[in-house]
Protein backbone atom coordinates (compact mmCIF):
# COMPACT_ATOMS: atom_id res chain seq x y z
CA MET A 1 -115.58 174.67 95.08
CA LYS A 2 -112.78 173.42 92.84
CA THR A 3 -113.26 170.45 90.54
CA LEU A 4 -110.43 168.40 89.06
CA THR A 5 -110.75 165.44 86.69
CA VAL A 6 -108.90 162.15 86.72
CA ASP A 7 -108.72 161.62 82.96
CA LEU A 8 -109.17 157.92 82.25
CA GLY A 9 -111.35 158.04 79.16
CA ILE A 10 -114.81 156.59 79.75
CA ARG A 11 -113.80 155.88 83.38
CA SER A 12 -112.86 159.50 84.10
CA TYR A 13 -114.23 160.98 87.30
CA PRO A 14 -114.33 164.30 89.16
CA ILE A 15 -112.65 165.31 92.39
CA HIS A 16 -114.73 168.01 94.08
CA ILE A 17 -112.91 170.06 96.74
CA GLY A 18 -114.54 172.66 98.97
CA GLN A 19 -116.52 173.49 102.10
CA GLN A 20 -120.05 172.24 102.91
CA LEU A 21 -119.99 169.76 100.04
CA LEU A 22 -121.78 167.12 102.12
CA GLN A 23 -124.80 169.41 101.84
CA GLN A 24 -124.86 169.25 98.04
CA PRO A 25 -126.56 165.96 97.03
CA GLU A 26 -126.18 166.43 93.28
CA LEU A 27 -122.39 166.10 93.56
CA VAL A 28 -122.82 162.49 94.71
CA THR A 29 -126.19 161.31 93.44
CA ASP A 30 -125.21 161.80 89.80
CA HIS A 31 -122.67 159.02 90.36
CA ILE A 32 -124.96 156.55 92.14
CA ARG A 33 -125.76 153.51 90.03
CA GLY A 34 -129.15 151.94 90.74
CA ARG A 35 -131.23 152.45 93.88
CA GLN A 36 -129.28 150.41 96.45
CA VAL A 37 -126.52 152.21 98.37
CA MET A 38 -124.29 150.74 101.08
CA VAL A 39 -122.48 153.34 103.19
CA VAL A 40 -119.34 152.02 104.90
CA SER A 41 -117.87 154.08 107.73
CA ASN A 42 -116.07 153.51 111.03
CA GLU A 43 -116.84 153.97 114.69
CA THR A 44 -115.09 157.35 114.85
CA VAL A 45 -116.43 159.02 111.70
CA ALA A 46 -120.00 157.66 111.66
CA PRO A 47 -121.20 159.60 114.74
CA LEU A 48 -119.86 162.81 113.16
CA TYR A 49 -120.97 162.62 109.54
CA LEU A 50 -123.18 159.61 108.84
CA ASP A 51 -126.43 161.51 109.38
CA LYS A 52 -125.34 164.16 106.85
CA VAL A 53 -124.55 161.46 104.30
CA LEU A 54 -127.89 159.73 104.88
CA GLU A 55 -129.61 163.07 104.20
CA LEU A 56 -127.48 163.39 101.08
CA LEU A 57 -128.79 160.01 99.91
CA ASP A 58 -132.44 160.64 100.70
CA GLY A 59 -134.63 158.73 98.28
CA PHE A 60 -132.25 155.79 97.81
CA ASP A 61 -132.46 152.37 99.46
CA VAL A 62 -129.61 152.89 101.93
CA ALA A 63 -127.96 150.46 104.36
CA THR A 64 -124.85 150.98 106.49
CA VAL A 65 -121.87 149.03 107.75
CA ILE A 66 -119.80 150.43 110.61
CA ILE A 67 -116.33 148.91 110.96
CA PRO A 68 -113.76 149.36 113.74
CA ASP A 69 -111.37 152.30 113.41
CA GLY A 70 -107.70 151.59 112.79
CA GLU A 71 -105.16 150.16 110.36
CA GLN A 72 -105.16 146.90 112.32
CA TYR A 73 -108.71 146.28 111.07
CA LYS A 74 -107.84 146.59 107.38
CA THR A 75 -108.15 142.84 106.97
CA LEU A 76 -109.97 140.15 105.05
CA ASP A 77 -112.12 139.52 108.14
CA THR A 78 -113.37 143.12 108.08
CA LEU A 79 -113.88 142.89 104.33
CA ASN A 80 -116.14 139.91 104.92
CA THR A 81 -118.39 141.94 107.23
CA ILE A 82 -119.11 144.21 104.24
CA PHE A 83 -119.84 141.23 102.00
CA ASP A 84 -122.10 139.76 104.70
CA ALA A 85 -124.13 142.96 104.85
CA LEU A 86 -124.40 143.21 101.06
CA LEU A 87 -125.62 139.65 100.77
CA GLU A 88 -127.96 139.81 103.76
CA LYS A 89 -129.58 142.94 102.30
CA ARG A 90 -129.69 141.26 98.86
CA PHE A 91 -127.80 144.02 97.13
CA ASN A 92 -127.55 143.45 93.38
CA ARG A 93 -124.88 144.31 90.83
CA THR A 94 -126.35 147.78 90.19
CA CYS A 95 -125.65 148.84 93.79
CA THR A 96 -123.19 151.54 94.82
CA LEU A 97 -120.88 151.52 97.83
CA VAL A 98 -120.01 154.80 99.56
CA ALA A 99 -116.80 155.07 101.58
CA LEU A 100 -117.14 157.60 104.42
CA GLY A 101 -113.91 157.87 106.40
CA GLY A 102 -110.15 157.80 106.12
CA GLY A 103 -107.80 155.68 104.08
CA VAL A 104 -108.67 152.37 105.71
CA VAL A 105 -112.39 152.84 105.02
CA GLY A 106 -111.72 153.97 101.47
CA ASP A 107 -109.32 151.14 100.66
CA ILE A 108 -111.46 148.37 102.10
CA THR A 109 -114.73 149.73 100.65
CA GLY A 110 -113.15 150.10 97.24
CA PHE A 111 -111.85 146.53 97.41
CA ALA A 112 -115.30 145.29 98.41
CA ALA A 113 -116.74 147.16 95.42
CA ALA A 114 -114.12 145.65 93.12
CA CYS A 115 -114.98 142.12 94.26
CA TYR A 116 -118.73 142.11 94.94
CA GLN A 117 -120.52 140.48 92.01
CA ARG A 118 -117.26 141.00 90.08
CA GLY A 119 -117.38 144.76 90.38
CA VAL A 120 -119.88 147.41 91.45
CA ALA A 121 -119.73 151.20 91.62
CA PHE A 122 -118.37 153.15 94.57
CA VAL A 123 -117.89 156.74 95.70
CA GLN A 124 -115.21 158.20 97.95
CA LEU A 125 -116.07 160.65 100.76
CA PRO A 126 -112.67 161.02 102.47
CA THR A 127 -112.65 162.68 105.89
CA THR A 128 -108.93 162.71 106.74
CA LEU A 129 -106.25 164.83 105.10
CA LEU A 130 -104.25 161.76 104.12
CA ALA A 131 -107.24 160.17 102.39
CA GLN A 132 -108.17 163.45 100.71
CA VAL A 133 -104.76 164.01 99.12
CA ASP A 134 -103.76 160.41 98.48
CA SER A 135 -105.70 157.21 99.04
CA SER A 136 -109.11 158.36 97.78
CA VAL A 137 -107.69 159.26 94.36
CA GLY A 138 -106.35 156.74 91.87
CA GLY A 139 -108.30 153.53 92.40
CA LYS A 140 -105.86 151.56 94.55
CA THR A 141 -107.90 149.40 96.90
CA GLY A 142 -107.02 146.53 99.20
CA VAL A 143 -106.32 145.09 102.62
CA ASN A 144 -103.22 144.21 104.62
CA HIS A 145 -101.69 140.82 105.34
CA ALA A 146 -99.65 139.96 108.41
CA LEU A 147 -96.60 139.57 106.15
CA GLY A 148 -97.05 142.72 104.08
CA LYS A 149 -99.09 145.90 103.74
CA ASN A 150 -101.57 146.29 100.87
CA MET A 151 -100.49 143.02 99.30
CA ILE A 152 -104.08 141.92 98.57
CA GLY A 153 -106.15 144.28 96.47
CA ALA A 154 -107.31 145.55 93.10
CA PHE A 155 -107.34 148.63 90.92
CA HIS A 156 -110.94 149.91 90.96
CA GLN A 157 -111.68 153.55 90.22
CA PRO A 158 -114.42 155.45 92.09
CA GLY A 159 -117.27 157.24 90.36
CA CYS A 160 -116.31 160.46 92.09
CA VAL A 161 -114.32 161.82 95.02
CA LEU A 162 -116.02 164.40 97.23
CA ILE A 163 -113.60 166.25 99.53
CA ASP A 164 -115.49 168.34 102.06
CA THR A 165 -112.69 170.23 103.80
CA ASP A 166 -114.98 170.98 106.76
CA THR A 167 -114.41 167.38 107.90
CA LEU A 168 -110.85 168.38 108.82
CA ASP A 169 -112.29 170.47 111.68
CA THR A 170 -112.81 167.24 113.68
CA LEU A 171 -109.49 165.63 112.72
CA ASP A 172 -107.02 165.27 115.59
CA ASP A 173 -103.56 166.83 115.34
CA ARG A 174 -101.74 163.51 114.91
CA GLN A 175 -103.94 162.52 111.96
CA LEU A 176 -103.53 165.96 110.42
CA ALA A 177 -99.74 165.65 110.63
CA ALA A 178 -99.93 162.19 109.06
CA GLY A 179 -101.76 163.70 106.08
CA LEU A 180 -99.16 166.45 105.76
CA ALA A 181 -96.55 163.75 105.09
CA GLU A 182 -98.30 162.86 101.84
CA VAL A 183 -98.66 166.55 100.95
CA ILE A 184 -94.91 167.04 101.41
CA LYS A 185 -94.33 163.99 99.21
CA TYR A 186 -95.85 165.75 96.19
CA GLY A 187 -93.39 168.60 96.50
CA LEU A 188 -90.50 166.18 96.78
CA ILE A 189 -91.36 164.05 93.76
CA ARG A 190 -92.76 166.61 91.32
CA ASP A 191 -92.82 170.27 92.35
CA ALA A 192 -89.96 172.11 94.05
CA GLY A 193 -92.01 175.30 94.05
CA PHE A 194 -94.75 173.57 96.04
CA PHE A 195 -92.12 172.31 98.50
CA ASN A 196 -90.94 175.91 98.93
CA TRP A 197 -94.54 176.99 99.52
CA LEU A 198 -94.93 174.32 102.19
CA GLU A 199 -91.80 175.58 103.96
CA GLU A 200 -93.38 179.04 104.08
CA HIS A 201 -96.90 177.94 105.02
CA MET A 202 -96.50 174.86 107.23
CA ASP A 203 -97.54 176.77 110.34
CA TRP A 204 -100.70 177.91 108.51
CA LEU A 205 -101.52 174.31 107.63
CA LYS A 206 -100.99 173.10 111.19
CA GLU A 207 -103.27 175.89 112.40
CA ARG A 208 -105.88 174.64 109.86
CA ASP A 209 -106.06 177.84 107.86
CA LYS A 210 -108.90 177.14 105.42
CA GLU A 211 -107.33 178.76 102.38
CA ALA A 212 -103.93 177.14 102.93
CA LEU A 213 -105.47 173.69 103.41
CA ALA A 214 -107.66 174.08 100.32
CA TYR A 215 -104.64 175.06 98.23
CA ALA A 216 -102.51 172.18 99.54
CA ILE A 217 -105.30 169.65 98.93
CA GLU A 218 -106.06 170.92 95.43
CA HIS A 219 -102.40 171.03 94.41
CA SER A 220 -101.73 167.55 95.79
CA CYS A 221 -104.80 166.09 94.05
CA ARG A 222 -103.87 167.80 90.80
CA ILE A 223 -100.41 166.20 90.82
CA LYS A 224 -101.80 162.78 91.68
CA ALA A 225 -104.57 163.03 89.06
CA GLU A 226 -102.01 163.84 86.36
CA ILE A 227 -99.80 160.91 87.35
CA VAL A 228 -102.69 158.44 87.57
CA ALA A 229 -104.05 159.56 84.19
CA ALA A 230 -100.64 158.90 82.63
CA ASP A 231 -100.03 155.56 84.39
CA GLU A 232 -103.16 154.08 85.97
CA ARG A 233 -101.75 150.67 86.90
CA GLU A 234 -98.27 151.70 88.03
CA SER A 235 -96.23 150.38 85.14
CA GLY A 236 -94.07 153.51 85.10
CA GLN A 237 -94.21 156.97 86.64
CA ARG A 238 -97.02 156.23 89.12
CA ALA A 239 -94.44 154.38 91.21
CA LEU A 240 -92.99 157.81 92.06
CA LEU A 241 -95.97 158.22 94.42
CA ASN A 242 -94.34 155.54 96.59
CA LEU A 243 -91.51 157.78 97.80
CA GLY A 244 -90.70 156.61 101.33
CA HIS A 245 -93.34 153.88 101.21
CA THR A 246 -91.04 150.85 100.99
CA PHE A 247 -89.26 151.95 104.17
CA GLY A 248 -92.56 153.11 105.67
CA HIS A 249 -94.45 149.90 104.98
CA ALA A 250 -91.63 147.99 106.67
CA ILE A 251 -92.14 150.17 109.76
CA GLU A 252 -95.90 149.61 109.75
CA THR A 253 -95.54 145.86 109.35
CA GLY A 254 -92.65 145.56 111.79
CA THR A 255 -94.33 147.52 114.60
CA GLY A 256 -97.81 146.07 114.06
CA TYR A 257 -100.47 147.82 112.00
CA GLY A 258 -101.88 150.85 113.77
CA THR A 259 -98.91 151.50 116.05
CA TRP A 260 -97.47 154.02 113.63
CA LEU A 261 -99.88 155.93 111.40
CA HIS A 262 -99.25 155.47 107.68
CA GLY A 263 -98.19 159.09 107.24
CA GLU A 264 -95.80 158.89 110.17
CA ALA A 265 -94.11 155.82 108.69
CA VAL A 266 -93.95 157.43 105.24
CA ALA A 267 -92.39 160.59 106.69
CA THR A 268 -89.56 158.61 108.24
CA GLY A 269 -89.29 156.55 105.07
CA MET A 270 -88.97 159.66 102.90
CA LEU A 271 -86.09 160.93 105.00
CA MET A 272 -84.41 157.52 104.76
CA ALA A 273 -84.84 157.66 100.98
CA ALA A 274 -83.36 161.16 100.97
CA ASP A 275 -80.40 159.96 103.04
CA LEU A 276 -79.76 157.11 100.61
CA SER A 277 -80.05 159.52 97.68
CA ALA A 278 -77.44 161.78 99.25
CA ARG A 279 -75.10 158.84 99.86
CA HIS A 280 -75.21 158.17 96.12
CA GLY A 281 -74.36 161.80 95.42
CA TRP A 282 -77.74 162.48 93.80
CA LEU A 283 -79.20 164.79 96.44
CA ALA A 284 -77.46 167.64 98.20
CA THR A 285 -76.88 167.19 101.92
CA ALA A 286 -78.43 170.61 102.50
CA ASP A 287 -81.62 169.36 100.86
CA VAL A 288 -81.74 166.36 103.21
CA GLU A 289 -81.60 168.82 106.08
CA ARG A 290 -84.41 170.90 104.53
CA ILE A 291 -86.57 167.79 104.24
CA ALA A 292 -85.90 166.80 107.85
CA THR A 293 -86.71 170.31 109.05
CA LEU A 294 -90.02 170.47 107.17
CA LEU A 295 -91.10 167.02 108.40
CA GLN A 296 -90.33 168.02 111.99
CA GLN A 297 -92.16 171.32 111.50
CA ALA A 298 -95.19 169.30 110.41
CA GLY A 299 -94.99 167.31 113.65
CA LEU A 300 -93.78 164.09 112.05
CA PRO A 301 -91.17 161.56 113.21
CA ILE A 302 -87.88 161.38 111.32
CA HIS A 303 -86.30 158.37 113.04
CA PRO A 304 -87.53 154.77 112.75
CA PRO A 305 -88.61 152.78 115.83
CA GLU A 306 -85.72 151.95 118.13
CA GLU A 307 -86.69 148.29 118.19
CA MET A 308 -86.22 147.89 114.42
CA ASP A 309 -82.73 147.04 113.17
CA ALA A 310 -81.28 146.99 109.65
CA ASP A 311 -81.81 143.25 109.22
CA GLN A 312 -85.51 143.54 109.98
CA PHE A 313 -85.85 146.41 107.50
CA ILE A 314 -84.17 144.37 104.76
CA ARG A 315 -86.37 141.35 105.48
CA LEU A 316 -89.61 143.34 105.43
CA MET A 317 -88.66 145.49 102.44
CA ALA A 318 -88.17 142.30 100.42
CA VAL A 319 -91.93 141.67 100.79
CA ASP A 320 -93.08 144.70 98.86
CA LYS A 321 -95.19 145.32 95.77
CA LYS A 322 -92.28 147.17 94.17
CA VAL A 323 -90.08 144.06 94.15
CA ILE A 324 -89.79 142.75 90.58
CA ASP A 325 -88.00 139.49 89.74
CA SER A 326 -86.45 139.42 93.22
CA GLY A 327 -85.03 142.92 92.71
CA LEU A 328 -85.96 145.71 95.12
CA ARG A 329 -86.82 149.05 93.52
CA LEU A 330 -86.82 152.27 95.49
CA VAL A 331 -88.03 155.79 94.81
CA LEU A 332 -85.07 158.10 95.34
CA LEU A 333 -84.41 161.81 94.79
CA LYS A 334 -82.10 163.55 92.34
CA SER A 335 -83.19 166.87 93.81
CA ILE A 336 -86.21 168.30 95.57
CA GLY A 337 -88.95 168.06 92.95
CA ASP A 338 -87.18 165.41 90.86
CA ALA A 339 -87.56 161.73 91.78
CA LEU A 340 -86.70 158.45 90.08
CA VAL A 341 -87.64 154.80 90.49
CA THR A 342 -84.55 152.63 90.44
CA GLY A 343 -83.12 149.28 91.35
CA ASP A 344 -79.67 150.64 90.55
CA PHE A 345 -78.56 151.56 94.03
CA GLU A 346 -75.64 150.22 96.00
CA ALA A 347 -76.53 147.62 98.63
CA ARG A 348 -73.61 148.89 100.71
CA LEU A 349 -75.09 152.39 100.81
CA LEU A 350 -78.56 151.08 101.63
CA GLN A 351 -77.00 149.20 104.54
CA GLU A 352 -75.33 152.44 105.68
CA THR A 353 -78.65 154.28 105.56
CA LEU A 354 -80.35 151.58 107.58
CA ASP A 355 -77.51 151.35 110.09
CA SER A 356 -77.42 155.12 110.61
CA ALA A 357 -81.19 155.34 111.01
CA ALA A 358 -81.57 152.36 113.33
């Protein structure tokens, strides 16, 4: 087992990474506040791992909420089902929520924890690669709105993150590829050497080699933990983690939540960001080709949906958390491993990127 720390002073918390961790109660129970525990999972993950988690929580007063599986259910209505259960069971402000599932479960459970009785504790048990390397770490929680993704939410840090890599054994290939998009992102924004390693080991990751996956997860979490510790509420460098996300969120909103997986949309968005970077002369054309090749090797799409045109992208990108004072900011690349957040890009070149991609 490897343990990393998200260093946030008195709100610091561990990220445990390894095999068979769902069989080690002390890793979770030390972070349970009070006796009441609400486990939130979905219809896909609960039949696979809920019994293990209930054994893990033996001795606590445990209740469960099972929500539908899919990005389209990351809504205020689903959030209310969690509040209903908490209130019906008379859970108090010393309760702890446990998120067992992928990014949707983690985001919506964390948001429920942030809101219920003005804030209760929660723990992340991510079961998808994307959640393990990205959404479970850093305290971003929330739900989607029909007009924009993740526009309603709160920063609320978990008590711990427990990443049992054995849960990836039951992950389907499409979901695995979606998680690899976020892994590739870390190489692009922060670590060229890691990007090189991914080029050499992508086939190992797709074949679910245990050592390769453990290394990729640990390295990704380490980068994210460092960035979050330096900029918890995204006032500066944490925005680098949004590489490809402005384009990607437009795809998710434009096609209807759940049609494209988040990682699939981000993959296409990262290549669009790379294309725009190259048009500004910041990124070598050869590097754009390397990025496209690695994304394709991971089994990810590199072209946006045919039904989306440049005008729709512009309209949807304008409804984004990274818009400040009516100015759109994008994460672009100066080189592989070196990213910047900027509003200083040419609208003409953005239009060219969108036109060429559409």
